[in-house]
Structure formats: structure tokens, C-alpha cells
Amino acid sequence: MRIHHHITIPCGFLLLVACFFIRYQIGRRRFNRRGVGGLQQFSSYRKAVVTTFLETLILFIGNLCGFAGLYLLALQELITLTFNHYEN
């Protein structure tokens, strides 16, 4: 039985890269909004609420991408170890 697993590893790494990129971009945006006192500064309350909500949502999606990437890589390693054990 031949398993086609050539796409699983690149997809896992791509999801991990997407996770790190999203986390970096949101962290950078939050850092650049900080004032002298260390708090994020917005021009209006509406912008603060909308921006915080959207960034939290995108960060959650990024974290899901990271977990999915780790899951794919772990699953691929498990499949490889299992089938190599049965072939030997």
C-alpha cells in the first residue's frame, strides 16, 4: 500500500509560517500604537473596539493555522513511523 504524503509536510510548514506571520504583523501593529505610558492609543472609541475585535479574531485564526500545521506535521510523522515499522 503506497501512501501519497508529499503534500502534507509543505502544507504543515505553510500553515506554521502563516501563523508566525500573522502573529508578527499583529504584534507589530500593537507595538506601534503604544504611547509613552505603554497603552495603545486610538483616535476614537469605535476604532478601538473594531480594531481590537478584528485583531483578536485574526490572531485566533492564525493560532488555528499554527495548531493545524503542527497537527499535520505530527500526523505525517506518525504515519511515516507506523508504515516504516510494518514494512520492516
PDB file of N, CA and C in Angstrom:
ATOM      1  N   MET A   1       0.850  -1.171   0.000  1.00  0.00           N
ATOM      2  CA  MET A   1       0.000   0.000   0.000  1.00  0.00           C
ATOM      3  C   MET A   1       0.900   1.240   0.000  1.00  0.00           C
ATOM      4  N   ARG A   2       0.724   2.067  -0.985  1.00  0.00           N
ATOM      5  CA  ARG A   2       1.543   3.277  -1.125  1.00  0.00           C
ATOM      6  C   ARG A   2       0.743   4.481  -0.640  1.00  0.00           C
ATOM      7  N   ILE A   3       1.327   5.242   0.247  1.00  0.00           N
ATOM      8  CA  ILE A   3       0.682   6.436   0.784  1.00  0.00           C
ATOM      9  C   ILE A   3       1.281   7.661   0.105  1.00  0.00           C
ATOM     10  N   HIS A   4       0.415   8.529  -0.407  1.00  0.00           N
ATOM     11  CA  HIS A   4       0.879   9.773  -1.011  1.00  0.00           C
ATOM     12  C   HIS A   4       0.860  10.854   0.059  1.00  0.00           C
ATOM     13  N   HIS A   5       2.029  11.170   0.553  1.00  0.00           N
ATOM     14  CA  HIS A   5       2.122  12.142   1.630  1.00  0.00           C
ATOM     15  C   HIS A   5       3.009  13.312   1.246  1.00  0.00           C
ATOM     16  N   HIS A   6       3.243  13.503  -0.017  1.00  0.00           N
ATOM     17  CA  HIS A   6       4.165  14.537  -0.448  1.00  0.00           C
ATOM     18  C   HIS A   6       3.621  15.945  -0.233  1.00  0.00           C
ATOM     19  N   ILE A   7       2.334  16.108  -0.056  1.00  0.00           N
ATOM     20  CA  ILE A   7       1.758  17.443   0.106  1.00  0.00           C
ATOM     21  C   ILE A   7       1.537  17.806   1.578  1.00  0.00           C
ATOM     22  N   THR A   8       1.548  16.846   2.461  1.00  0.00           N
ATOM     23  CA  THR A   8       1.232  17.094   3.867  1.00  0.00           C
ATOM     24  C   THR A   8       2.291  17.948   4.559  1.00  0.00           C
ATOM     25  N   ILE A   9       3.540  17.641   4.331  1.00  0.00           N
ATOM     26  CA  ILE A   9       4.618  18.371   5.005  1.00  0.00           C
ATOM     27  C   ILE A   9       4.683  19.827   4.551  1.00  0.00           C
ATOM     28  N   PRO A  10       4.657  20.114   3.233  1.00  0.00           N
ATOM     29  CA  PRO A  10       4.659  21.541   2.844  1.00  0.00           C
ATOM     30  C   PRO A  10       3.437  22.304   3.349  1.00  0.00           C
ATOM     31  N   CYS A  11       2.278  21.659   3.377  1.00  0.00           N
ATOM     32  CA  CYS A  11       1.079  22.325   3.903  1.00  0.00           C
ATOM     33  C   CYS A  11       1.239  22.627   5.387  1.00  0.00           C
ATOM     34  N   GLY A  12       1.808  21.704   6.133  1.00  0.00           N
ATOM     35  CA  GLY A  12       2.044  21.928   7.554  1.00  0.00           C
ATOM     36  C   GLY A  12       2.989  23.095   7.792  1.00  0.00           C
ATOM     37  N   PHE A  13       4.083  23.126   7.026  1.00  0.00           N
ATOM     38  CA  PHE A  13       5.026  24.238   7.176  1.00  0.00           C
ATOM     39  C   PHE A  13       4.416  25.557   6.718  1.00  0.00           C
ATOM     40  N   LEU A  14       3.612  25.520   5.667  1.00  0.00           N
ATOM     41  CA  LEU A  14       2.961  26.739   5.185  1.00  0.00           C
ATOM     42  C   LEU A  14       1.996  27.297   6.232  1.00  0.00           C
ATOM     43  N   LEU A  15       1.260  26.420   6.896  1.00  0.00           N
ATOM     44  CA  LEU A  15       0.359  26.868   7.959  1.00  0.00           C
ATOM     45  C   LEU A  15       1.131  27.452   9.144  1.00  0.00           C
ATOM     46  N   LEU A  16       2.266  26.849   9.476  1.00  0.00           N
ATOM     47  CA  LEU A  16       3.084  27.396  10.560  1.00  0.00           C
ATOM     48  C   LEU A  16       3.653  28.764  10.193  1.00  0.00           C
ATOM     49  N   VAL A  17       4.097  28.910   8.953  1.00  0.00           N
ATOM     50  CA  VAL A  17       4.613  30.207   8.505  1.00  0.00           C
ATOM     51  C   VAL A  17       3.499  31.251   8.530  1.00  0.00           C
ATOM     52  N   ALA A  18       2.298  30.866   8.106  1.00  0.00           N
ATOM     53  CA  ALA A  18       1.161  31.793   8.147  1.00  0.00           C
ATOM     54  C   ALA A  18       0.867  32.214   9.584  1.00  0.00           C
ATOM     55  N   CYS A  19       0.937  31.275  10.509  1.00  0.00           N
ATOM     56  CA  CYS A  19       0.706  31.586  11.926  1.00  0.00           C
ATOM     57  C   CYS A  19       1.730  32.593  12.435  1.00  0.00           C
ATOM     58  N   PHE A  20       3.006  32.329  12.175  1.00  0.00           N
ATOM     59  CA  PHE A  20       4.050  33.234  12.653  1.00  0.00           C
ATOM     60  C   PHE A  20       3.944  34.604  12.000  1.00  0.00           C
ATOM     61  N   PHE A  21       3.587  34.652  10.716  1.00  0.00           N
ATOM     62  CA  PHE A  21       3.449  35.927  10.018  1.00  0.00           C
ATOM     63  C   PHE A  21       2.298  36.748  10.600  1.00  0.00           C
ATOM     64  N   ILE A  22       1.166  36.102  10.831  1.00  0.00           N
ATOM     65  CA  ILE A  22       0.009  36.803  11.404  1.00  0.00           C
ATOM     66  C   ILE A  22       0.333  37.321  12.799  1.00  0.00           C
ATOM     67  N   ARG A  23       0.948  36.477  13.621  1.00  0.00           N
ATOM     68  CA  ARG A  23       1.287  36.902  14.979  1.00  0.00           C
ATOM     69  C   ARG A  23       2.286  38.059  14.964  1.00  0.00           C
ATOM     70  N   TYR A  24       3.247  38.014  14.044  1.00  0.00           N
ATOM     71  CA  TYR A  24       4.234  39.089  13.942  1.00  0.00           C
ATOM     72  C   TYR A  24       3.580  40.398  13.521  1.00  0.00           C
ATOM     73  N   GLN A  25       2.727  40.339  12.504  1.00  0.00           N
ATOM     74  CA  GLN A  25       2.101  41.558  11.993  1.00  0.00           C
ATOM     75  C   GLN A  25       1.197  42.211  13.046  1.00  0.00           C
ATOM     76  N   ILE A  26       0.412  41.420  13.732  1.00  0.00           N
ATOM     77  CA  ILE A  26      -0.481  41.980  14.749  1.00  0.00           C
ATOM     78  C   ILE A  26       0.323  42.517  15.929  1.00  0.00           C
ATOM     79  N   GLY A  27       1.350  41.795  16.331  1.00  0.00           N
ATOM     80  CA  GLY A  27       2.202  42.289  17.408  1.00  0.00           C
ATOM     81  C   GLY A  27       2.899  43.589  17.041  1.00  0.00           C
ATOM     82  N   ARG A  28       3.337  43.691  15.803  1.00  0.00           N
ATOM     83  CA  ARG A  28       3.986  44.921  15.350  1.00  0.00           C
ATOM     84  C   ARG A  28       3.012  46.095  15.329  1.00  0.00           C
ATOM     85  N   ARG A  29       1.787  45.833  14.854  1.00  0.00           N
ATOM     86  CA  ARG A  29       0.777  46.898  14.839  1.00  0.00           C
ATOM     87  C   ARG A  29       0.454  47.361  16.258  1.00  0.00           C
ATOM     88  N   ARG A  30       0.321  46.421  17.171  1.00  0.00           N
ATOM     89  CA  ARG A  30       0.027  46.784  18.562  1.00  0.00           C
ATOM     90  C   ARG A  30       1.189  47.549  19.193  1.00  0.00           C
ATOM     91  N   PHE A  31       2.406  47.142  18.872  1.00  0.00           N
ATOM     92  CA  PHE A  31       3.574  47.830  19.406  1.00  0.00           C
ATOM     93  C   PHE A  31       3.645  49.262  18.886  1.00  0.00           C
ATOM     94  N   ASN A  32       3.368  49.450  17.605  1.00  0.00           N
ATOM     95  CA  ASN A  32       3.445  50.786  17.011  1.00  0.00           C
ATOM     96  C   ASN A  32       2.343  51.718  17.509  1.00  0.00           C
ATOM     97  N   ARG A  33       1.261  51.178  18.039  1.00  0.00           N
ATOM     98  CA  ARG A  33       0.180  52.010  18.581  1.00  0.00           C
ATOM     99  C   ARG A  33       0.426  52.441  20.019  1.00  0.00           C
ATOM    100  N   ARG A  34       1.433  51.914  20.645  1.00  0.00           N
ATOM    101  CA  ARG A  34       1.674  52.220  22.059  1.00  0.00           C
ATOM    102  C   ARG A  34       2.259  53.615  22.220  1.00  0.00           C
ATOM    103  N   GLY A  35       1.802  54.273  23.264  1.00  0.00           N
ATOM    104  CA  GLY A  35       2.297  55.610  23.578  1.00  0.00           C
ATOM    105  C   GLY A  35       3.385  55.552  24.635  1.00  0.00           C
ATOM    106  N   VAL A  36       3.682  56.702  25.201  1.00  0.00           N
ATOM    107  CA  VAL A  36       4.736  56.813  26.210  1.00  0.00           C
ATOM    108  C   VAL A  36       4.374  56.005  27.458  1.00  0.00           C
ATOM    109  N   GLY A  37       3.103  55.991  27.811  1.00  0.00           N
ATOM    110  CA  GLY A  37       2.662  55.273  29.003  1.00  0.00           C
ATOM    111  C   GLY A  37       2.555  53.772  28.814  1.00  0.00           C
ATOM    112  N   GLY A  38       2.708  53.280  27.599  1.00  0.00           N
ATOM    113  CA  GLY A  38       2.647  51.847  27.340  1.00  0.00           C
ATOM    114  C   GLY A  38       1.279  51.340  26.947  1.00  0.00           C
ATOM    115  N   LEU A  39       0.295  52.239  26.836  1.00  0.00           N
ATOM    116  CA  LEU A  39      -1.054  51.833  26.452  1.00  0.00           C
ATOM    117  C   LEU A  39      -1.273  52.090  24.967  1.00  0.00           C
ATOM    118  N   GLN A  40      -2.140  51.286  24.368  1.00  0.00           N
ATOM    119  CA  GLN A  40      -2.470  51.506  22.963  1.00  0.00           C
ATOM    120  C   GLN A  40      -3.335  52.752  22.844  1.00  0.00           C
ATOM    121  N   GLN A  41      -3.056  53.547  21.833  1.00  0.00           N
ATOM    122  CA  GLN A  41      -3.783  54.796  21.646  1.00  0.00           C
ATOM    123  C   GLN A  41      -4.570  54.752  20.345  1.00  0.00           C
ATOM    124  N   PHE A  42      -5.850  55.077  20.438  1.00  0.00           N
ATOM    125  CA  PHE A  42      -6.742  55.124  19.284  1.00  0.00           C
ATOM    126  C   PHE A  42      -7.341  56.519  19.196  1.00  0.00           C
ATOM    127  N   SER A  43      -7.756  56.895  17.982  1.00  0.00           N
ATOM    128  CA  SER A  43      -8.337  58.229  17.812  1.00  0.00           C
ATOM    129  C   SER A  43      -9.796  58.282  18.255  1.00  0.00           C
ATOM    130  N   SER A  44     -10.477  57.126  18.289  1.00  0.00           N
ATOM    131  CA  SER A  44     -11.862  57.109  18.754  1.00  0.00           C
ATOM    132  C   SER A  44     -12.162  55.765  19.413  1.00  0.00           C
ATOM    133  N   TYR A  45     -13.230  55.750  20.171  1.00  0.00           N
ATOM    134  CA  TYR A  45     -13.643  54.522  20.851  1.00  0.00           C
ATOM    135  C   TYR A  45     -14.050  53.450  19.845  1.00  0.00           C
ATOM    136  N   ARG A  46     -14.762  53.859  18.797  1.00  0.00           N
ATOM    137  CA  ARG A  46     -15.211  52.913  17.773  1.00  0.00           C
ATOM    138  C   ARG A  46     -14.021  52.220  17.115  1.00  0.00           C
ATOM    139  N   LYS A  47     -12.997  52.982  16.773  1.00  0.00           N
ATOM    140  CA  LYS A  47     -11.803  52.390  16.162  1.00  0.00           C
ATOM    141  C   LYS A  47     -11.116  51.430  17.121  1.00  0.00           C
ATOM    142  N   ALA A  48     -11.124  51.759  18.394  1.00  0.00           N
ATOM    143  CA  ALA A  48     -10.507  50.886  19.388  1.00  0.00           C
ATOM    144  C   ALA A  48     -11.243  49.556  19.474  1.00  0.00           C
ATOM    145  N   VAL A  49     -12.565  49.614  19.512  1.00  0.00           N
ATOM    146  CA  VAL A  49     -13.360  48.388  19.637  1.00  0.00           C
ATOM    147  C   VAL A  49     -13.242  47.534  18.381  1.00  0.00           C
ATOM    148  N   VAL A  50     -13.414  48.155  17.218  1.00  0.00           N
ATOM    149  CA  VAL A  50     -13.372  47.405  15.958  1.00  0.00           C
ATOM    150  C   VAL A  50     -11.981  46.825  15.723  1.00  0.00           C
ATOM    151  N   THR A  51     -10.950  47.629  15.926  1.00  0.00           N
ATOM    152  CA  THR A  51      -9.583  47.163  15.700  1.00  0.00           C
ATOM    153  C   THR A  51      -9.221  46.029  16.649  1.00  0.00           C
ATOM    154  N   THR A  52      -9.560  46.177  17.909  1.00  0.00           N
ATOM    155  CA  THR A  52      -9.254  45.131  18.880  1.00  0.00           C
ATOM    156  C   THR A  52      -9.997  43.842  18.555  1.00  0.00           C
ATOM    157  N   PHE A  53     -11.269  43.957  18.172  1.00  0.00           N
ATOM    158  CA  PHE A  53     -12.048  42.770  17.827  1.00  0.00           C
ATOM    159  C   PHE A  53     -11.469  42.075  16.600  1.00  0.00           C
ATOM    160  N   LEU A  54     -11.185  42.836  15.550  1.00  0.00           N
ATOM    161  CA  LEU A  54     -10.655  42.233  14.322  1.00  0.00           C
ATOM    162  C   LEU A  54      -9.272  41.620  14.541  1.00  0.00           C
ATOM    163  N   GLU A  55      -8.431  42.306  15.290  1.00  0.00           N
ATOM    164  CA  GLU A  55      -7.105  41.747  15.557  1.00  0.00           C
ATOM    165  C   GLU A  55      -7.193  40.475  16.389  1.00  0.00           C
ATOM    166  N   THR A  56      -8.094  40.446  17.341  1.00  0.00           N
ATOM    167  CA  THR A  56      -8.272  39.239  18.145  1.00  0.00           C
ATOM    168  C   THR A  56      -8.791  38.091  17.291  1.00  0.00           C
ATOM    169  N   LEU A  57      -9.734  38.380  16.405  1.00  0.00           N
ATOM    170  CA  LEU A  57     -10.275  37.357  15.512  1.00  0.00           C
ATOM    171  C   LEU A  57      -9.198  36.825  14.571  1.00  0.00           C
ATOM    172  N   ILE A  58      -8.419  37.714  13.974  1.00  0.00           N
ATOM    173  CA  ILE A  58      -7.361  37.292  13.055  1.00  0.00           C
ATOM    174  C   ILE A  58      -6.276  36.529  13.806  1.00  0.00           C
ATOM    175  N   LEU A  59      -5.967  36.949  15.018  1.00  0.00           N
ATOM    176  CA  LEU A  59      -4.981  36.243  15.828  1.00  0.00           C
ATOM    177  C   LEU A  59      -5.473  34.840  16.177  1.00  0.00           C
ATOM    178  N   PHE A  60      -6.757  34.697  16.453  1.00  0.00           N
ATOM    179  CA  PHE A  60      -7.339  33.381  16.721  1.00  0.00           C
ATOM    180  C   PHE A  60      -7.223  32.488  15.487  1.00  0.00           C
ATOM    181  N   ILE A  61      -7.514  33.037  14.316  1.00  0.00           N
ATOM    182  CA  ILE A  61      -7.388  32.277  13.070  1.00  0.00           C
ATOM    183  C   ILE A  61      -5.931  31.885  12.837  1.00  0.00           C
ATOM    184  N   GLY A  62      -5.013  32.800  13.129  1.00  0.00           N
ATOM    185  CA  GLY A  62      -3.590  32.486  12.997  1.00  0.00           C
ATOM    186  C   GLY A  62      -3.161  31.366  13.924  1.00  0.00           C
ATOM    187  N   ASN A  63      -3.664  31.389  15.147  1.00  0.00           N
ATOM    188  CA  ASN A  63      -3.345  30.313  16.087  1.00  0.00           C
ATOM    189  C   ASN A  63      -3.916  28.980  15.621  1.00  0.00           C
ATOM    190  N   LEU A  64      -5.113  29.009  15.044  1.00  0.00           N
ATOM    191  CA  LEU A  64      -5.677  27.776  14.487  1.00  0.00           C
ATOM    192  C   LEU A  64      -4.814  27.249  13.349  1.00  0.00           C
ATOM    193  N   CYS A  65      -4.296  28.152  12.525  1.00  0.00           N
ATOM    194  CA  CYS A  65      -3.381  27.738  11.452  1.00  0.00           C
ATOM    195  C   CYS A  65      -2.142  27.065  12.039  1.00  0.00           C
ATOM    196  N   GLY A  66      -1.613  27.633  13.106  1.00  0.00           N
ATOM    197  CA  GLY A  66      -0.439  27.046  13.742  1.00  0.00           C
ATOM    198  C   GLY A  66      -0.715  25.664  14.302  1.00  0.00           C
ATOM    199  N   PHE A  67      -1.839  25.510  14.984  1.00  0.00           N
ATOM    200  CA  PHE A  67      -2.190  24.194  15.516  1.00  0.00           C
ATOM    201  C   PHE A  67      -2.452  23.188  14.400  1.00  0.00           C
ATOM    202  N   ALA A  68      -3.092  23.634  13.320  1.00  0.00           N
ATOM    203  CA  ALA A  68      -3.341  22.742  12.191  1.00  0.00           C
ATOM    204  C   ALA A  68      -2.028  22.318  11.546  1.00  0.00           C
ATOM    205  N   GLY A  69      -1.090  23.251  11.426  1.00  0.00           N
ATOM    206  CA  GLY A  69       0.214  22.912  10.859  1.00  0.00           C
ATOM    207  C   GLY A  69       0.957  21.908  11.718  1.00  0.00           C
ATOM    208  N   LEU A  70       0.945  22.123  13.028  1.00  0.00           N
ATOM    209  CA  LEU A  70       1.590  21.165  13.926  1.00  0.00           C
ATOM    210  C   LEU A  70       0.910  19.803  13.869  1.00  0.00           C
ATOM    211  N   TYR A  71      -0.410  19.808  13.770  1.00  0.00           N
ATOM    212  CA  TYR A  71      -1.156  18.554  13.678  1.00  0.00           C
ATOM    213  C   TYR A  71      -0.787  17.802  12.402  1.00  0.00           C
ATOM    214  N   LEU A  72      -0.716  18.519  11.274  1.00  0.00           N
ATOM    215  CA  LEU A  72      -0.354  17.864  10.015  1.00  0.00           C
ATOM    216  C   LEU A  72       1.052  17.275  10.075  1.00  0.00           C
ATOM    217  N   LEU A  73       1.990  18.028  10.636  1.00  0.00           N
ATOM    218  CA  LEU A  73       3.357  17.516  10.732  1.00  0.00           C
ATOM    219  C   LEU A  73       3.441  16.315  11.668  1.00  0.00           C
ATOM    220  N   ALA A  74       2.736  16.376  12.790  1.00  0.00           N
ATOM    221  CA  ALA A  74       2.744  15.246  13.725  1.00  0.00           C
ATOM    222  C   ALA A  74       2.051  14.034  13.116  1.00  0.00           C
ATOM    223  N   LEU A  75       0.952  14.271  12.417  1.00  0.00           N
ATOM    224  CA  LEU A  75       0.238  13.170  11.772  1.00  0.00           C
ATOM    225  C   LEU A  75       1.101  12.516  10.706  1.00  0.00           C
ATOM    226  N   GLN A  76       1.808  13.321   9.937  1.00  0.00           N
ATOM    227  CA  GLN A  76       2.676  12.770   8.903  1.00  0.00           C
ATOM    228  C   GLN A  76       3.797  11.946   9.512  1.00  0.00           C
ATOM    229  N   GLU A  77       4.364  12.433  10.600  1.00  0.00           N
ATOM    230  CA  GLU A  77       5.426  11.686  11.263  1.00  0.00           C
ATOM    231  C   GLU A  77       4.892  10.373  11.836  1.00  0.00           C
ATOM    232  N   LEU A  78       3.699  10.407  12.398  1.00  0.00           N
ATOM    233  CA  LEU A  78       3.090   9.190  12.931  1.00  0.00           C
ATOM    234  C   LEU A  78       2.830   8.179  11.821  1.00  0.00           C
ATOM    235  N   ILE A  79       2.319   8.645  10.703  1.00  0.00           N
ATOM    236  CA  ILE A  79       2.057   7.750   9.569  1.00  0.00           C
ATOM    237  C   ILE A  79       3.360   7.165   9.046  1.00  0.00           C
ATOM    238  N   THR A  80       4.387   7.997   8.935  1.00  0.00           N
ATOM    239  CA  THR A  80       5.679   7.519   8.441  1.00  0.00           C
ATOM    240  C   THR A  80       6.263   6.475   9.377  1.00  0.00           C
ATOM    241  N   LEU A  81       6.223   6.730  10.667  1.00  0.00           N
ATOM    242  CA  LEU A  81       6.759   5.762  11.624  1.00  0.00           C
ATOM    243  C   LEU A  81       5.961   4.468  11.619  1.00  0.00           C
ATOM    244  N   THR A  82       4.652   4.574  11.519  1.00  0.00           N
ATOM    245  CA  THR A  82       3.798   3.386  11.537  1.00  0.00           C
ATOM    246  C   THR A  82       4.044   2.513  10.315  1.00  0.00           C
ATOM    247  N   PHE A  83       4.061   3.120   9.130  1.00  0.00           N
ATOM    248  CA  PHE A  83       4.228   2.322   7.923  1.00  0.00           C
ATOM    249  C   PHE A  83       5.657   1.836   7.755  1.00  0.00           C
ATOM    250  N   ASN A  84       6.651   2.574   8.245  1.00  0.00           N
ATOM    251  CA  ASN A  84       8.023   2.078   8.205  1.00  0.00           C
ATOM    252  C   ASN A  84       8.185   0.895   9.146  1.00  0.00           C
ATOM    253  N   HIS A  85       7.451   0.896  10.248  1.00  0.00           N
ATOM    254  CA  HIS A  85       7.505  -0.221  11.189  1.00  0.00           C
ATOM    255  C   HIS A  85       6.931  -1.484  10.546  1.00  0.00           C
ATOM    256  N   TYR A  86       5.826  -1.344   9.803  1.00  0.00           N
ATOM    257  CA  TYR A  86       5.202  -2.505   9.179  1.00  0.00           C
ATOM    258  C   TYR A  86       5.966  -2.987   7.958  1.00  0.00           C
ATOM    259  N   GLU A  87       6.702  -2.110   7.281  1.00  0.00           N
ATOM    260  CA  GLU A  87       7.461  -2.520   6.103  1.00  0.00           C
ATOM    261  C   GLU A  87       8.709  -3.290   6.493  1.00  0.00           C
ATOM    262  N   ASN A  88       9.263  -3.008   7.668  1.00  0.00           N
ATOM    263  CA  ASN A  88      10.497  -3.689   8.089  1.00  0.00           C
ATOM    264  C   ASN A  88      10.192  -4.970   8.731  1.00  0.00           C
TER     265      ASN A  88
END
